[in-house]
Amino acid sequence: MSRSPWAWQPPGATVVVGPPPGPLDADMAVPGSKSVTNRALIMAALAKGVSRLEGILRSDDSYWCVQALQGLGIDITVNGTAVHVSGCGGRWPNKTARLYLGSAGTLARFLPGALAAGDDGQWELDGSAQLRGRPISPLVAALRALGAEIGYLDGDGQLPIRVRAGLSGGHVAISGRVSSQFTSGLLLAAPYARRPVEVTVVDELVQPEYVGLTIEMMRAFGAHVEAAGLERIHVQPRPYTARTLMLEADASTACYFLTAAALSGGRVRITNVGYRSLQPDARFVDVLERMGCRVARGASYLEVVGPTRLVGGFTVDMRPMSDQALTLGAAAVFADAPITVTGVPHIRRHESDRIAVFVSQMGRLGIRVDEHPDGFTVHPGVPRPAATLDPHDDHRQAMAFSLLGVRVPGIRIADPGCVSKTCPAYFDFLARLGLSVAYR
């Protein structure tokens, strides 16, 4: 467990969520995207000049990113959700530093390459016990193939590591099965290699849309990137140039409130995320539509109106939007037939083993969930909220569990502060929508 000063401090050790007095009816904006925020911060830090980033997410992960960059000597000024970043032009001011990354998985996958891309220096990276348990070896092997010097300090395949500046470039092959963030980590650094970089993905990318997001942001900062179907990507040595950018809101966070509308038979419109977003979770409304919801899709908004009865009886491959696998699992409890989620074996290696934890915690409520190697099947039922649900310090678990409270009173969740990783104000948003939210 790793909390930052930007984390929300819950007034109790547990939160109890219960139904609103009636169907939801709301228009709401959600905070900035975690994925976009950390990409933009690192690119701005590498760029030449001063960038202004509007709409950042203030969360645990972005706090640790800002702290790490400041530890490298980058001048960063944070004013609410706006940030000024004085970039180093690829020359990190502090040539040595020990950097703590909290539990920020994106940072652990993006920063090693950015450091290796520097002109001089040696740095150590470490994180929470949770982050140490997450795999990093595919990224390290790929960076080494491009000339980086990276050593493990306490066991192969995980943090802590030591990174020495220097990235030659050339060709590297990498698997996309474990995490698309490994590919993004290579690409982020590639403009600062001494010669062109060619990245070949040797098998399927688990979430190709996030690699596409990385490429589009690199181009926004002036990088020269050629990509044909994301299977072979070419990056020319061309440093980033400072930019002023308005960052996208978080489509993943939006999905919880849209699903709450589906469960309540009400309406929620998210006013600052549209269907054309590069974030794959914006397409989760397609799954809710399949469950019988009415969906409105706009360039800058998403709206869901819930049905009188949620429809089940289907199987869905959630690989493109795997962060919403548990969201669908929670909604499936109230469908009229079982729903099977497939294609997400990689979520076993996230903040928790998301499949095993979800199955076990639903079992504590009397809900039958069959576990599969790459997903699960949820059998509809009526939750019996006698037990406190343990999210295992995983924000996605806690947020999914809370959705049960749209229909069932007394859903008790331990460690509500874990939502600070993505959306510190999450339970406040639920309360504003009309759900009962109390702390014990």
Protein backbone atom coordinates (compact mmCIF):
# COMPACT_ATOMS: atom_id res chain seq x y z
CA MET A 1 0.00 0.00 0.00
CA SER A 2 1.42 3.39 -1.01
CA ARG A 3 -0.42 6.66 -0.54
CA SER A 4 0.76 10.08 -1.67
CA PRO A 5 -0.10 13.59 -0.40
CA TRP A 6 -2.52 13.80 -3.32
CA ALA A 7 -4.37 10.76 -2.03
CA TRP A 8 -7.80 11.11 -0.51
CA GLN A 9 -7.90 10.20 3.17
CA PRO A 10 -11.18 8.41 3.94
CA PRO A 11 -12.81 9.27 7.27
CA GLY A 12 -13.20 5.58 8.08
CA ALA A 13 -11.56 2.23 7.46
CA THR A 14 -14.53 1.05 5.39
CA VAL A 15 -17.16 2.62 3.18
CA VAL A 16 -20.77 1.43 3.03
CA VAL A 17 -22.61 2.07 -0.25
CA GLY A 18 -26.35 1.82 -0.81
CA PRO A 19 -28.98 2.62 -3.43
CA PRO A 20 -30.12 6.10 -4.44
CA PRO A 21 -33.73 7.08 -3.70
CA GLY A 22 -34.64 6.66 -7.37
CA PRO A 23 -33.19 6.30 -10.86
CA LEU A 24 -30.12 8.43 -11.47
CA ASP A 25 -30.49 11.55 -13.61
CA ALA A 26 -27.29 13.55 -14.03
CA ASP A 27 -24.86 15.32 -16.32
CA MET A 28 -21.32 15.17 -15.00
CA ALA A 29 -17.68 15.75 -15.92
CA VAL A 30 -14.98 13.31 -14.82
CA PRO A 31 -11.34 14.02 -13.89
CA GLY A 32 -8.39 13.79 -16.28
CA SER A 33 -7.01 10.55 -17.67
CA LYS A 34 -4.30 8.76 -15.70
CA SER A 35 -2.92 7.19 -18.87
CA VAL A 36 -2.75 10.50 -20.72
CA THR A 37 -1.41 12.46 -17.72
CA ASN A 38 1.69 10.37 -17.09
CA ARG A 39 2.53 10.10 -20.78
CA ALA A 40 2.23 13.87 -21.18
CA LEU A 41 4.29 14.64 -18.06
CA ILE A 42 7.21 12.46 -19.17
CA MET A 43 7.18 13.75 -22.76
CA ALA A 44 7.02 17.35 -21.51
CA ALA A 45 9.95 16.66 -19.16
CA LEU A 46 12.03 15.31 -22.05
CA ALA A 47 11.03 18.12 -24.42
CA LYS A 48 12.92 21.30 -25.12
CA GLY A 49 11.07 24.32 -23.72
CA VAL A 50 8.19 24.92 -21.32
CA SER A 51 4.99 22.93 -21.77
CA ARG A 52 1.61 23.77 -20.25
CA LEU A 53 -0.64 20.80 -19.59
CA GLU A 54 -4.28 21.48 -18.75
CA GLY A 55 -6.62 18.96 -17.18
CA ILE A 56 -4.13 16.61 -15.50
CA LEU A 57 -5.39 13.98 -13.10
CA ARG A 58 -4.39 14.67 -9.50
CA SER A 59 -4.05 11.15 -8.16
CA ASP A 60 -1.50 8.88 -6.52
CA ASP A 61 0.03 7.80 -9.81
CA SER A 62 0.43 11.33 -11.20
CA TYR A 63 1.84 12.55 -7.87
CA TRP A 64 4.61 9.93 -7.98
CA CYS A 65 5.31 10.87 -11.59
CA VAL A 66 5.69 14.55 -10.69
CA GLN A 67 7.88 13.65 -7.71
CA ALA A 68 10.14 11.43 -9.80
CA LEU A 69 10.59 14.10 -12.46
CA GLN A 70 11.33 16.73 -9.82
CA GLY A 71 13.86 14.30 -8.34
CA LEU A 72 15.56 14.34 -11.74
CA GLY A 73 15.81 18.12 -11.54
CA ILE A 74 12.82 19.04 -13.71
CA ASP A 75 11.08 22.29 -12.76
CA ILE A 76 7.36 21.49 -12.49
CA THR A 77 4.73 23.89 -11.18
CA VAL A 78 1.30 22.45 -10.34
CA ASN A 79 -1.68 24.79 -10.02
CA GLY A 80 -4.88 22.80 -9.59
CA THR A 81 -5.21 20.67 -12.72
CA ALA A 82 -2.77 22.81 -14.74
CA VAL A 83 0.96 22.08 -14.86
CA HIS A 84 3.95 23.96 -16.25
CA VAL A 85 6.88 21.68 -17.10
CA SER A 86 10.31 23.08 -17.99
CA GLY A 87 11.72 20.34 -20.18
CA CYS A 88 15.34 19.23 -20.16
CA GLY A 89 15.79 18.56 -23.87
CA GLY A 90 16.87 15.00 -23.09
CA ARG A 91 19.54 16.06 -20.59
CA TRP A 92 18.36 15.18 -17.09
CA PRO A 93 19.69 17.88 -14.71
CA ASN A 94 20.29 15.50 -11.79
CA LYS A 95 22.76 12.86 -12.94
CA THR A 96 22.13 10.58 -9.97
CA ALA A 97 18.98 9.99 -7.94
CA ARG A 98 17.01 7.33 -6.12
CA LEU A 99 13.44 7.58 -7.35
CA TYR A 100 10.39 6.11 -5.59
CA LEU A 101 7.45 5.31 -7.89
CA GLY A 102 4.79 4.37 -5.35
CA SER A 103 2.41 1.86 -6.98
CA ALA A 104 2.39 3.63 -10.37
CA GLY A 105 2.57 0.88 -12.99
CA THR A 106 2.62 3.31 -15.93
CA LEU A 107 5.57 5.14 -14.38
CA ALA A 108 7.50 1.89 -13.84
CA ARG A 109 7.06 1.07 -17.55
CA PHE A 110 7.63 4.60 -18.98
CA LEU A 111 10.46 6.04 -16.89
CA PRO A 112 13.23 3.44 -17.41
CA GLY A 113 13.39 4.15 -21.14
CA ALA A 114 13.15 7.90 -20.62
CA LEU A 115 16.15 7.71 -18.28
CA ALA A 116 18.12 5.49 -20.64
CA ALA A 117 17.46 8.08 -23.35
CA GLY A 118 19.36 10.73 -21.38
CA ASP A 119 22.85 11.89 -22.31
CA ASP A 120 24.53 11.11 -18.98
CA GLY A 121 23.67 9.77 -15.53
CA GLN A 122 22.74 6.76 -13.43
CA TRP A 123 19.56 6.36 -11.39
CA GLU A 124 17.83 3.79 -9.18
CA LEU A 125 14.10 3.11 -9.38
CA ASP A 126 12.01 1.41 -6.72
CA GLY A 127 8.37 1.27 -5.68
CA SER A 128 5.87 -0.20 -3.27
CA ALA A 129 5.71 -3.91 -2.51
CA GLN A 130 2.76 -4.10 -4.88
CA LEU A 131 4.74 -2.49 -7.72
CA ARG A 132 7.76 -4.72 -7.04
CA GLY A 133 5.49 -7.69 -7.70
CA ARG A 134 4.53 -6.53 -11.18
CA PRO A 135 6.54 -7.80 -14.17
CA ILE A 136 9.10 -5.57 -15.87
CA SER A 137 11.51 -8.01 -17.54
CA PRO A 138 10.11 -7.73 -21.12
CA LEU A 139 10.73 -3.97 -21.02
CA VAL A 140 14.21 -4.32 -19.55
CA ALA A 141 15.20 -6.93 -22.14
CA ALA A 142 13.94 -4.76 -24.98
CA LEU A 143 15.73 -1.65 -23.71
CA ARG A 144 18.94 -3.65 -23.36
CA ALA A 145 18.55 -4.71 -26.99
CA LEU A 146 18.54 -1.01 -27.90
CA GLY A 147 21.78 -0.44 -25.99
CA ALA A 148 20.51 0.51 -22.54
CA GLU A 149 22.41 -0.52 -19.39
CA ILE A 150 19.86 -1.68 -16.81
CA GLY A 151 20.58 -3.90 -13.83
CA TYR A 152 18.31 -5.59 -11.30
CA LEU A 153 19.13 -4.79 -7.69
CA ASP A 154 17.00 -7.35 -5.84
CA GLY A 155 15.99 -10.22 -8.10
CA ASP A 156 15.54 -10.50 -11.83
CA GLY A 157 12.32 -9.38 -13.45
CA GLN A 158 11.18 -6.74 -10.98
CA LEU A 159 12.02 -3.47 -9.28
CA PRO A 160 14.32 -2.10 -7.94
CA ILE A 161 16.55 -1.46 -10.95
CA ARG A 162 19.50 0.73 -11.83
CA VAL A 163 19.42 2.59 -15.17
CA ARG A 164 22.44 4.17 -16.85
CA ALA A 165 21.98 6.81 -19.58
CA GLY A 166 22.65 5.81 -23.17
CA LEU A 167 20.32 4.46 -25.85
CA SER A 168 21.88 3.41 -29.14
CA GLY A 169 18.76 2.59 -31.13
CA GLY A 170 18.27 -0.04 -33.81
CA HIS A 171 15.73 -2.85 -34.10
CA VAL A 172 13.98 -4.60 -31.22
CA ALA A 173 11.25 -7.23 -31.05
CA ILE A 174 8.87 -7.34 -28.09
CA SER A 175 5.84 -9.33 -27.06
CA GLY A 176 2.59 -7.46 -26.58
CA ARG A 177 0.82 -10.21 -24.62
CA VAL A 178 1.70 -9.12 -21.08
CA SER A 179 1.22 -5.36 -21.31
CA SER A 180 0.99 -2.73 -24.03
CA GLN A 181 2.82 -0.42 -21.61
CA PHE A 182 6.12 -2.16 -22.41
CA THR A 183 5.77 -1.14 -26.06
CA SER A 184 4.74 2.38 -25.05
CA GLY A 185 7.78 2.59 -22.75
CA LEU A 186 10.09 1.81 -25.68
CA LEU A 187 8.39 4.29 -27.97
CA LEU A 188 8.43 7.16 -25.44
CA ALA A 189 12.22 6.96 -25.28
CA ALA A 190 12.90 6.28 -28.97
CA PRO A 191 13.16 9.93 -30.21
CA TYR A 192 16.28 10.31 -28.02
CA ALA A 193 18.17 7.27 -29.29
CA ARG A 194 21.36 7.94 -31.27
CA ARG A 195 19.91 6.34 -34.38
CA PRO A 196 16.44 5.34 -35.61
CA VAL A 197 14.44 2.80 -33.63
CA GLU A 198 12.31 0.07 -35.15
CA VAL A 199 9.95 -1.80 -32.81
CA THR A 200 8.37 -5.04 -33.97
CA VAL A 201 5.53 -6.54 -31.94
CA VAL A 202 5.99 -10.27 -32.39
CA ASP A 203 2.48 -11.28 -31.30
CA GLU A 204 -0.81 -9.62 -30.49
CA LEU A 205 -0.89 -6.42 -28.47
CA VAL A 206 -3.07 -6.91 -25.42
CA GLN A 207 -4.41 -3.33 -25.70
CA PRO A 208 -3.30 -1.80 -29.00
CA GLU A 209 -5.36 1.35 -28.50
CA TYR A 210 -3.03 2.48 -25.71
CA VAL A 211 -0.02 2.14 -28.02
CA GLY A 212 -1.93 4.22 -30.54
CA LEU A 213 -2.53 6.78 -27.81
CA THR A 214 1.20 6.89 -27.08
CA ILE A 215 2.02 7.43 -30.75
CA GLU A 216 -0.51 10.24 -31.14
CA MET A 217 0.86 12.01 -28.06
CA MET A 218 4.43 11.60 -29.33
CA ARG A 219 3.37 13.23 -32.58
CA ALA A 220 1.71 16.03 -30.62
CA PHE A 221 5.12 16.72 -29.06
CA GLY A 222 6.77 16.76 -32.51
CA ALA A 223 8.16 13.22 -32.80
CA HIS A 224 8.42 11.51 -36.19
CA VAL A 225 6.67 8.14 -35.90
CA GLU A 226 5.63 5.79 -38.70
CA ALA A 227 3.34 2.91 -37.78
CA ALA A 228 1.68 0.34 -40.01
CA GLY A 229 -0.97 -1.50 -38.06
CA LEU A 230 1.16 -1.22 -34.88
CA GLU A 231 3.03 -4.38 -35.85
CA ARG A 232 6.15 -2.50 -36.97
CA ILE A 233 6.82 1.02 -35.71
CA HIS A 234 9.63 3.32 -36.86
CA VAL A 235 10.79 6.32 -34.79
CA GLN A 236 13.36 8.82 -36.06
CA PRO A 237 15.75 10.66 -33.71
CA ARG A 238 13.86 13.91 -33.30
CA PRO A 239 13.56 15.34 -29.76
CA TYR A 240 10.23 16.46 -28.38
CA THR A 241 9.25 20.13 -28.53
CA ALA A 242 7.30 21.81 -25.73
CA ARG A 243 3.55 22.12 -26.25
CA THR A 244 0.41 23.53 -24.67
CA LEU A 245 -2.13 20.70 -24.44
CA MET A 246 -5.59 20.11 -23.01
CA LEU A 247 -5.57 16.52 -21.78
CA GLU A 248 -8.49 14.16 -22.20
CA ALA A 249 -10.72 13.21 -19.29
CA ASP A 250 -10.61 9.62 -18.07
CA ALA A 251 -12.84 7.27 -20.06
CA SER A 252 -12.16 4.44 -17.59
CA THR A 253 -13.52 6.46 -14.68
CA ALA A 254 -16.51 7.52 -16.77
CA CYS A 255 -17.55 3.89 -17.19
CA TYR A 256 -18.40 3.42 -13.51
CA PHE A 257 -20.93 6.24 -13.55
CA LEU A 258 -22.41 5.14 -16.88
CA THR A 259 -22.78 1.63 -15.43
CA ALA A 260 -24.45 3.09 -12.33
CA ALA A 261 -27.05 4.61 -14.67
CA ALA A 262 -27.56 1.20 -16.28
CA LEU A 263 -28.08 -0.46 -12.89
CA SER A 264 -30.48 2.19 -11.58
CA GLY A 265 -32.61 2.35 -14.71
CA GLY A 266 -31.70 6.03 -14.86
CA ARG A 267 -29.64 8.39 -17.02
CA VAL A 268 -26.07 9.67 -16.78
CA ARG A 269 -24.30 11.81 -19.37
CA ILE A 270 -20.53 12.24 -19.19
CA THR A 271 -19.90 15.67 -20.69
CA ASN A 272 -16.13 15.59 -21.27
CA VAL A 273 -15.37 12.20 -22.87
CA GLY A 274 -16.60 11.29 -26.35
CA TYR A 275 -16.93 8.09 -28.35
CA ARG A 276 -14.06 9.07 -30.65
CA SER A 277 -11.60 9.13 -27.77
CA LEU A 278 -8.39 7.18 -28.30
CA GLN A 279 -8.99 5.62 -24.89
CA PRO A 280 -10.49 2.18 -25.57
CA ASP A 281 -12.79 2.25 -22.55
CA ALA A 282 -14.96 4.83 -24.31
CA ARG A 283 -16.33 1.85 -26.24
CA PHE A 284 -17.62 0.18 -23.07
CA VAL A 285 -20.98 1.81 -23.86
CA ASP A 286 -21.27 -0.77 -26.66
CA VAL A 287 -21.32 -3.53 -24.02
CA LEU A 288 -23.91 -1.64 -21.96
CA GLU A 289 -26.03 -1.29 -25.10
CA ARG A 290 -25.82 -5.04 -25.56
CA MET A 291 -27.22 -5.34 -22.03
CA GLY A 292 -30.30 -3.38 -23.08
CA CYS A 293 -29.26 0.20 -22.34
CA ARG A 294 -30.00 3.14 -24.61
CA VAL A 295 -26.74 4.83 -25.55
CA ALA A 296 -26.00 8.24 -27.04
CA ARG A 297 -22.52 8.72 -28.50
CA GLY A 298 -21.11 12.16 -29.24
CA ALA A 299 -17.75 13.66 -30.07
CA SER A 300 -17.51 15.10 -26.55
CA TYR A 301 -20.05 13.14 -24.52
CA LEU A 302 -21.36 9.67 -23.68
CA GLU A 303 -24.82 8.98 -22.28
CA VAL A 304 -26.44 5.83 -20.95
CA VAL A 305 -30.09 5.27 -20.03
CA GLY A 306 -30.69 2.05 -18.14
CA PRO A 307 -33.38 -0.49 -19.06
CA THR A 308 -36.04 -1.96 -16.82
CA ARG A 309 -34.14 -5.27 -17.04
CA LEU A 310 -30.48 -5.87 -17.84
CA VAL A 311 -29.93 -8.49 -20.54
CA GLY A 312 -27.36 -11.25 -20.15
CA GLY A 313 -26.73 -14.57 -21.81
CA PHE A 314 -23.65 -13.68 -23.85
CA THR A 315 -19.85 -13.89 -23.90
CA VAL A 316 -17.67 -10.85 -24.51
CA ASP A 317 -13.94 -10.53 -25.18
CA MET A 318 -12.87 -7.66 -22.91
CA ARG A 319 -9.23 -7.61 -23.97
CA PRO A 320 -9.46 -4.21 -25.73
CA MET A 321 -10.89 -2.58 -22.59
CA SER A 322 -9.74 -4.92 -19.85
CA ASP A 323 -9.92 -2.28 -17.10
CA GLN A 324 -13.71 -2.64 -17.40
CA ALA A 325 -13.79 -6.42 -17.00
CA LEU A 326 -14.70 -6.08 -13.33
CA THR A 327 -17.19 -3.30 -14.09
CA LEU A 328 -19.04 -5.66 -16.38
CA GLY A 329 -18.72 -8.40 -13.78
CA ALA A 330 -20.49 -6.24 -11.20
CA ALA A 331 -23.28 -5.30 -13.63
CA ALA A 332 -23.69 -8.94 -14.68
CA VAL A 333 -24.82 -9.85 -11.15
CA PHE A 334 -28.14 -8.15 -11.97
CA ALA A 335 -28.61 -9.41 -15.55
CA ASP A 336 -31.28 -11.91 -16.55
CA ALA A 337 -28.76 -14.60 -17.57
CA PRO A 338 -25.05 -15.37 -17.05
CA ILE A 339 -22.38 -13.28 -18.74
CA THR A 340 -18.90 -14.59 -19.52
CA VAL A 341 -15.83 -12.34 -19.75
CA THR A 342 -12.91 -13.66 -21.80
CA GLY A 343 -9.59 -12.40 -23.18
CA VAL A 344 -8.17 -10.88 -19.99
CA PRO A 345 -5.54 -13.25 -18.52
CA HIS A 346 -3.15 -10.31 -18.18
CA ILE A 347 -5.29 -8.66 -15.49
CA ARG A 348 -4.06 -11.33 -13.08
CA ARG A 349 -0.79 -9.35 -12.97
CA HIS A 350 -2.20 -5.91 -12.26
CA GLU A 351 -2.56 -4.35 -8.80
CA SER A 352 -4.15 -7.63 -7.75
CA ASP A 353 -4.96 -10.91 -9.45
CA ARG A 354 -8.15 -9.28 -10.61
CA ILE A 355 -9.85 -12.47 -11.71
CA ALA A 356 -9.15 -14.48 -8.55
CA VAL A 357 -9.93 -11.61 -6.18
CA PHE A 358 -13.20 -10.75 -7.91
CA VAL A 359 -14.33 -14.39 -7.88
CA SER A 360 -13.50 -14.80 -4.18
CA GLN A 361 -15.11 -11.55 -3.05
CA MET A 362 -18.32 -12.15 -5.00
CA GLY A 363 -18.44 -15.55 -3.33
CA ARG A 364 -18.49 -13.80 0.04
CA LEU A 365 -21.75 -12.14 -1.08
CA GLY A 366 -23.25 -15.45 -2.18
CA ILE A 367 -22.79 -14.72 -5.88
CA ARG A 368 -21.55 -17.58 -8.03
CA VAL A 369 -18.69 -16.61 -10.33
CA ASP A 370 -16.88 -19.34 -12.26
CA GLU A 371 -13.16 -18.65 -12.69
CA HIS A 372 -11.46 -19.28 -16.04
CA PRO A 373 -7.78 -18.86 -16.98
CA ASP A 374 -8.62 -15.79 -19.07
CA GLY A 375 -11.77 -14.48 -17.38
CA PHE A 376 -14.88 -15.50 -15.50
CA THR A 377 -18.61 -16.22 -15.77
CA VAL A 378 -21.01 -14.34 -13.50
CA HIS A 379 -24.28 -16.03 -12.59
CA PRO A 380 -27.02 -13.57 -11.62
CA GLY A 381 -28.11 -13.48 -8.02
CA VAL A 382 -29.02 -11.32 -5.05
CA PRO A 383 -25.94 -10.24 -3.08
CA ARG A 384 -26.05 -10.88 0.67
CA PRO A 385 -23.99 -7.96 2.07
CA ALA A 386 -22.93 -9.58 5.34
CA ALA A 387 -19.18 -9.54 4.63
CA THR A 388 -16.73 -6.68 4.14
CA LEU A 389 -15.25 -6.85 0.66
CA ASP A 390 -11.47 -6.63 0.42
CA PRO A 391 -10.23 -4.87 -2.75
CA HIS A 392 -6.63 -5.98 -2.10
CA ASP A 393 -5.38 -2.38 -2.51
CA ASP A 394 -6.76 -2.37 -6.07
CA HIS A 395 -8.78 0.64 -7.19
CA ARG A 396 -10.56 -1.30 -9.93
CA GLN A 397 -11.86 -3.86 -7.42
CA ALA A 398 -13.17 -1.19 -5.02
CA MET A 399 -14.87 0.80 -7.77
CA ALA A 400 -16.51 -2.31 -9.23
CA PHE A 401 -17.70 -3.48 -5.80
CA SER A 402 -19.31 -0.08 -5.19
CA LEU A 403 -21.60 -0.56 -8.18
CA LEU A 404 -23.38 -3.36 -6.34
CA GLY A 405 -24.57 -0.66 -3.95
CA VAL A 406 -26.69 0.90 -6.70
CA ARG A 407 -29.10 -2.03 -6.20
CA VAL A 408 -28.28 -3.48 -2.77
CA PRO A 409 -28.01 -1.62 0.57
CA GLY A 410 -25.09 -2.22 2.90
CA ILE A 411 -22.27 -3.01 0.44
CA ARG A 412 -19.25 -2.65 2.71
CA ILE A 413 -15.79 -2.14 1.16
CA ALA A 414 -12.49 -2.05 3.06
CA ASP A 415 -9.69 0.42 2.29
CA PRO A 416 -11.76 2.92 0.28
CA GLY A 417 -8.69 5.14 -0.07
CA CYS A 418 -7.27 2.80 -2.70
CA VAL A 419 -9.41 4.62 -5.31
CA SER A 420 -6.88 7.48 -5.06
CA LYS A 421 -4.79 5.68 -7.65
CA THR A 422 -7.28 6.72 -10.34
CA CYS A 423 -10.03 8.92 -8.90
CA PRO A 424 -9.59 10.25 -5.35
CA ALA A 425 -13.06 11.85 -5.41
CA TYR A 426 -14.80 8.66 -6.59
CA PHE A 427 -17.04 8.12 -3.56
CA ASP A 428 -17.87 11.83 -3.44
CA PHE A 429 -19.09 11.52 -7.04
CA LEU A 430 -21.30 8.57 -6.05
CA ALA A 431 -22.76 10.60 -3.19
CA ARG A 432 -23.47 13.54 -5.49
CA LEU A 433 -25.30 11.18 -7.84
CA GLY A 434 -27.57 10.26 -4.94
CA LEU A 435 -26.16 6.98 -3.67
CA SER A 436 -25.89 6.42 0.07
CA VAL A 437 -22.22 6.67 1.06
CA ALA A 438 -21.16 6.31 4.71
CA TYR A 439 -17.87 5.59 6.44
CA ARG A 440 -17.25 3.32 9.41
